[in-house]
Amino acid sequence: SYVSSKAFVWDNFEVGENCFILENNVLQPFIKVGNNVTLWSGNHIGHRTVIRDHAFISSHCVISGFCEIGEYSFLGVNCTLADNVKIAKDNFISMSAVVSKSTQANGLYKGNPAEKHKAGAKKLCKVR
């Protein structure tokens, strides 16, 4: 795994294999990152958040504390997650979406507040 020297990471952070964590990410205490995860530039990952395998978090996402990001999920630029939100497996969260409650598997969420699109994430984009 690669963690940029320009990322701010607490000592009690856990990272899996084959991860890519770029500059200006802030990773607060007790975060767990699975395998094959990408954290692009400038994200804030809140305390005790768990990011499952194969997730991609684009730039400037704000993930509050005690969140969970499901496997094969994609978070778009500038999206925001409230405390204790669980993003289910195979989700696509669009840019600037504000997610204040947990999501369902294979969901495409957009807007403020984020709402589930009629079509699933797998139908409109290849998350895997």
C-alpha atoms as a PDB file:
ATOM      1  CA  SER A   1       0.000   0.000   0.000  1.00  0.00           C
ATOM      2  CA  TYR A   2       1.016   3.585  -0.594  1.00  0.00           C
ATOM      3  CA  VAL A   3       0.228   6.370   1.890  1.00  0.00           C
ATOM      4  CA  SER A   4       1.453   9.816   0.841  1.00  0.00           C
ATOM      5  CA  SER A   5       3.850  11.528   3.213  1.00  0.00           C
ATOM      6  CA  LYS A   6       1.590  14.568   2.759  1.00  0.00           C
ATOM      7  CA  ALA A   7      -1.450  12.808   4.260  1.00  0.00           C
ATOM      8  CA  PHE A   8      -2.232  13.359   7.948  1.00  0.00           C
ATOM      9  CA  VAL A   9      -2.699   9.924   9.477  1.00  0.00           C
ATOM     10  CA  TRP A  10      -3.010   9.013  13.161  1.00  0.00           C
ATOM     11  CA  ASP A  11      -0.753   6.198  14.447  1.00  0.00           C
ATOM     12  CA  ASN A  12      -3.670   3.857  15.267  1.00  0.00           C
ATOM     13  CA  PHE A  13      -4.824   3.655  11.635  1.00  0.00           C
ATOM     14  CA  GLU A  14      -5.152   0.213   9.954  1.00  0.00           C
ATOM     15  CA  VAL A  15      -4.674  -0.208   6.206  1.00  0.00           C
ATOM     16  CA  GLY A  16      -5.021  -3.327   4.049  1.00  0.00           C
ATOM     17  CA  GLU A  17      -3.060  -4.383   0.992  1.00  0.00           C
ATOM     18  CA  ASN A  18      -2.858  -2.606  -2.370  1.00  0.00           C
ATOM     19  CA  CYS A  19      -4.304   0.706  -1.135  1.00  0.00           C
ATOM     20  CA  PHE A  20      -3.562   4.121  -2.595  1.00  0.00           C
ATOM     21  CA  ILE A  21      -3.906   7.106  -0.242  1.00  0.00           C
ATOM     22  CA  LEU A  22      -2.933  10.422  -1.802  1.00  0.00           C
ATOM     23  CA  GLU A  23      -1.951  13.830  -0.390  1.00  0.00           C
ATOM     24  CA  ASN A  24      -4.015  16.031   1.929  1.00  0.00           C
ATOM     25  CA  ASN A  25      -6.169  13.224   3.276  1.00  0.00           C
ATOM     26  CA  VAL A  26      -6.952  13.508   6.989  1.00  0.00           C
ATOM     27  CA  LEU A  27      -7.524  10.143   8.629  1.00  0.00           C
ATOM     28  CA  GLN A  28      -8.678  10.452  12.228  1.00  0.00           C
ATOM     29  CA  PRO A  29      -8.113   7.861  15.005  1.00  0.00           C
ATOM     30  CA  PHE A  30      -9.134   4.212  14.788  1.00  0.00           C
ATOM     31  CA  ILE A  31      -9.932   4.111  11.059  1.00  0.00           C
ATOM     32  CA  LYS A  32      -9.824   0.747   9.289  1.00  0.00           C
ATOM     33  CA  VAL A  33      -9.232   0.593   5.539  1.00  0.00           C
ATOM     34  CA  GLY A  34      -9.661  -2.703   3.684  1.00  0.00           C
ATOM     35  CA  ASN A  35      -7.821  -4.006   0.614  1.00  0.00           C
ATOM     36  CA  ASN A  36      -7.702  -2.321  -2.822  1.00  0.00           C
ATOM     37  CA  VAL A  37      -9.036   1.009  -1.556  1.00  0.00           C
ATOM     38  CA  THR A  38      -8.292   4.362  -3.198  1.00  0.00           C
ATOM     39  CA  LEU A  39      -8.540   7.644  -1.293  1.00  0.00           C
ATOM     40  CA  TRP A  40      -7.926  10.428  -3.792  1.00  0.00           C
ATOM     41  CA  SER A  41      -6.750  13.871  -2.636  1.00  0.00           C
ATOM     42  CA  GLY A  42      -8.118  16.034   0.168  1.00  0.00           C
ATOM     43  CA  ASN A  43     -10.630  13.814   1.981  1.00  0.00           C
ATOM     44  CA  HIS A  44     -11.604  13.956   5.649  1.00  0.00           C
ATOM     45  CA  ILE A  45     -12.260  10.521   7.145  1.00  0.00           C
ATOM     46  CA  GLY A  46     -13.799  10.710  10.619  1.00  0.00           C
ATOM     47  CA  HIS A  47     -12.867   8.649  13.668  1.00  0.00           C
ATOM     48  CA  ARG A  48     -13.755   4.954  13.851  1.00  0.00           C
ATOM     49  CA  THR A  49     -14.858   4.786  10.220  1.00  0.00           C
ATOM     50  CA  VAL A  50     -14.482   1.482   8.359  1.00  0.00           C
ATOM     51  CA  ILE A  51     -13.842   1.450   4.611  1.00  0.00           C
ATOM     52  CA  ARG A  52     -14.427  -2.016   3.124  1.00  0.00           C
ATOM     53  CA  ASP A  53     -12.504  -3.637   0.259  1.00  0.00           C
ATOM     54  CA  HIS A  54     -12.452  -2.229  -3.288  1.00  0.00           C
ATOM     55  CA  ALA A  55     -13.926   1.189  -2.414  1.00  0.00           C
ATOM     56  CA  PHE A  56     -12.985   4.333  -4.323  1.00  0.00           C
ATOM     57  CA  ILE A  57     -13.312   7.685  -2.588  1.00  0.00           C
ATOM     58  CA  SER A  58     -12.726  10.604  -4.929  1.00  0.00           C
ATOM     59  CA  SER A  59     -11.496  14.063  -3.884  1.00  0.00           C
ATOM     60  CA  HIS A  60     -12.765  16.291  -1.057  1.00  0.00           C
ATOM     61  CA  CYS A  61     -15.281  13.882   0.462  1.00  0.00           C
ATOM     62  CA  VAL A  62     -16.228  14.440   4.104  1.00  0.00           C
ATOM     63  CA  ILE A  63     -16.995  11.252   5.990  1.00  0.00           C
ATOM     64  CA  SER A  64     -18.070  11.818   9.583  1.00  0.00           C
ATOM     65  CA  GLY A  65     -17.299   9.533  12.510  1.00  0.00           C
ATOM     66  CA  PHE A  66     -18.492   5.958  12.986  1.00  0.00           C
ATOM     67  CA  CYS A  67     -19.353   5.515   9.280  1.00  0.00           C
ATOM     68  CA  GLU A  68     -18.982   2.405   7.151  1.00  0.00           C
ATOM     69  CA  ILE A  69     -18.300   2.333   3.409  1.00  0.00           C
ATOM     70  CA  GLY A  70     -19.387  -0.926   1.751  1.00  0.00           C
ATOM     71  CA  GLU A  71     -17.392  -3.037  -0.663  1.00  0.00           C
ATOM     72  CA  TYR A  72     -17.202  -1.874  -4.292  1.00  0.00           C
ATOM     73  CA  SER A  73     -18.677   1.525  -3.489  1.00  0.00           C
ATOM     74  CA  PHE A  74     -17.759   4.817  -5.162  1.00  0.00           C
ATOM     75  CA  LEU A  75     -18.037   8.219  -3.477  1.00  0.00           C
ATOM     76  CA  GLY A  76     -18.101  11.225  -5.821  1.00  0.00           C
ATOM     77  CA  VAL A  77     -16.295  14.536  -5.408  1.00  0.00           C
ATOM     78  CA  ASN A  78     -17.437  16.728  -2.492  1.00  0.00           C
ATOM     79  CA  CYS A  79     -19.998  14.298  -1.099  1.00  0.00           C
ATOM     80  CA  THR A  80     -20.744  14.412   2.636  1.00  0.00           C
ATOM     81  CA  LEU A  81     -21.756  11.626   5.027  1.00  0.00           C
ATOM     82  CA  ALA A  82     -23.290  12.316   8.437  1.00  0.00           C
ATOM     83  CA  ASP A  83     -22.241  10.466  11.620  1.00  0.00           C
ATOM     84  CA  ASN A  84     -23.071   6.753  11.836  1.00  0.00           C
ATOM     85  CA  VAL A  85     -24.045   6.405   8.147  1.00  0.00           C
ATOM     86  CA  LYS A  86     -23.527   3.032   6.510  1.00  0.00           C
ATOM     87  CA  ILE A  87     -23.007   3.031   2.752  1.00  0.00           C
ATOM     88  CA  ALA A  88     -24.109  -0.402   1.566  1.00  0.00           C
ATOM     89  CA  LYS A  89     -22.228  -2.656  -0.857  1.00  0.00           C
ATOM     90  CA  ASP A  90     -22.135  -1.628  -4.552  1.00  0.00           C
ATOM     91  CA  ASN A  91     -23.237   1.980  -4.019  1.00  0.00           C
ATOM     92  CA  PHE A  92     -22.548   4.983  -6.210  1.00  0.00           C
ATOM     93  CA  ILE A  93     -22.764   8.271  -4.309  1.00  0.00           C
ATOM     94  CA  SER A  94     -22.789  11.163  -6.779  1.00  0.00           C
ATOM     95  CA  MET A  95     -20.790  14.352  -6.485  1.00  0.00           C
ATOM     96  CA  SER A  96     -21.970  16.815  -3.836  1.00  0.00           C
ATOM     97  CA  ALA A  97     -24.528  14.356  -2.445  1.00  0.00           C
ATOM     98  CA  VAL A  98     -25.367  14.795   1.233  1.00  0.00           C
ATOM     99  CA  VAL A  99     -26.045  11.403   2.805  1.00  0.00           C
ATOM    100  CA  SER A 100     -27.712  11.667   6.212  1.00  0.00           C
ATOM    101  CA  LYS A 101     -29.038   8.117   6.540  1.00  0.00           C
ATOM    102  CA  SER A 102     -27.770   4.645   5.668  1.00  0.00           C
ATOM    103  CA  THR A 103     -28.178   3.359   2.111  1.00  0.00           C
ATOM    104  CA  GLN A 104     -29.372   0.137   0.456  1.00  0.00           C
ATOM    105  CA  ALA A 105     -27.194  -2.216  -1.618  1.00  0.00           C
ATOM    106  CA  ASN A 106     -26.798  -1.470  -5.349  1.00  0.00           C
ATOM    107  CA  GLY A 107     -27.991   2.095  -4.916  1.00  0.00           C
ATOM    108  CA  LEU A 108     -27.223   5.248  -6.838  1.00  0.00           C
ATOM    109  CA  TYR A 109     -27.701   8.257  -4.548  1.00  0.00           C
ATOM    110  CA  LYS A 110     -27.699  11.913  -5.551  1.00  0.00           C
ATOM    111  CA  GLY A 111     -28.823  15.298  -4.275  1.00  0.00           C
ATOM    112  CA  ASN A 112     -29.199  17.150  -0.982  1.00  0.00           C
ATOM    113  CA  PRO A 113     -30.549  15.311   0.839  1.00  0.00           C
ATOM    114  CA  ALA A 114     -29.371  12.297  -1.128  1.00  0.00           C
ATOM    115  CA  GLU A 115     -32.162  10.189  -2.589  1.00  0.00           C
ATOM    116  CA  LYS A 116     -31.965   6.796  -4.241  1.00  0.00           C
ATOM    117  CA  HIS A 117     -32.256   6.894  -8.040  1.00  0.00           C
ATOM    118  CA  LYS A 118     -34.750   4.481  -9.652  1.00  0.00           C
ATOM    119  CA  ALA A 119     -31.993   2.623 -11.509  1.00  0.00           C
ATOM    120  CA  GLY A 120     -29.435   0.719  -9.486  1.00  0.00           C
ATOM    121  CA  ALA A 121     -25.761   1.543  -9.481  1.00  0.00           C
ATOM    122  CA  LYS A 122     -24.888  -1.597 -11.455  1.00  0.00           C
ATOM    123  CA  LYS A 123     -27.290  -0.611 -14.258  1.00  0.00           C
ATOM    124  CA  LEU A 124     -25.879   2.877 -14.828  1.00  0.00           C
ATOM    125  CA  CYS A 125     -22.208   2.316 -14.110  1.00  0.00           C
ATOM    126  CA  LYS A 126     -19.741  -0.468 -13.578  1.00  0.00           C
ATOM    127  CA  VAL A 127     -18.852  -0.272  -9.891  1.00  0.00           C
ATOM    128  CA  ARG A 128     -17.015  -3.605 -10.007  1.00  0.00           C
END
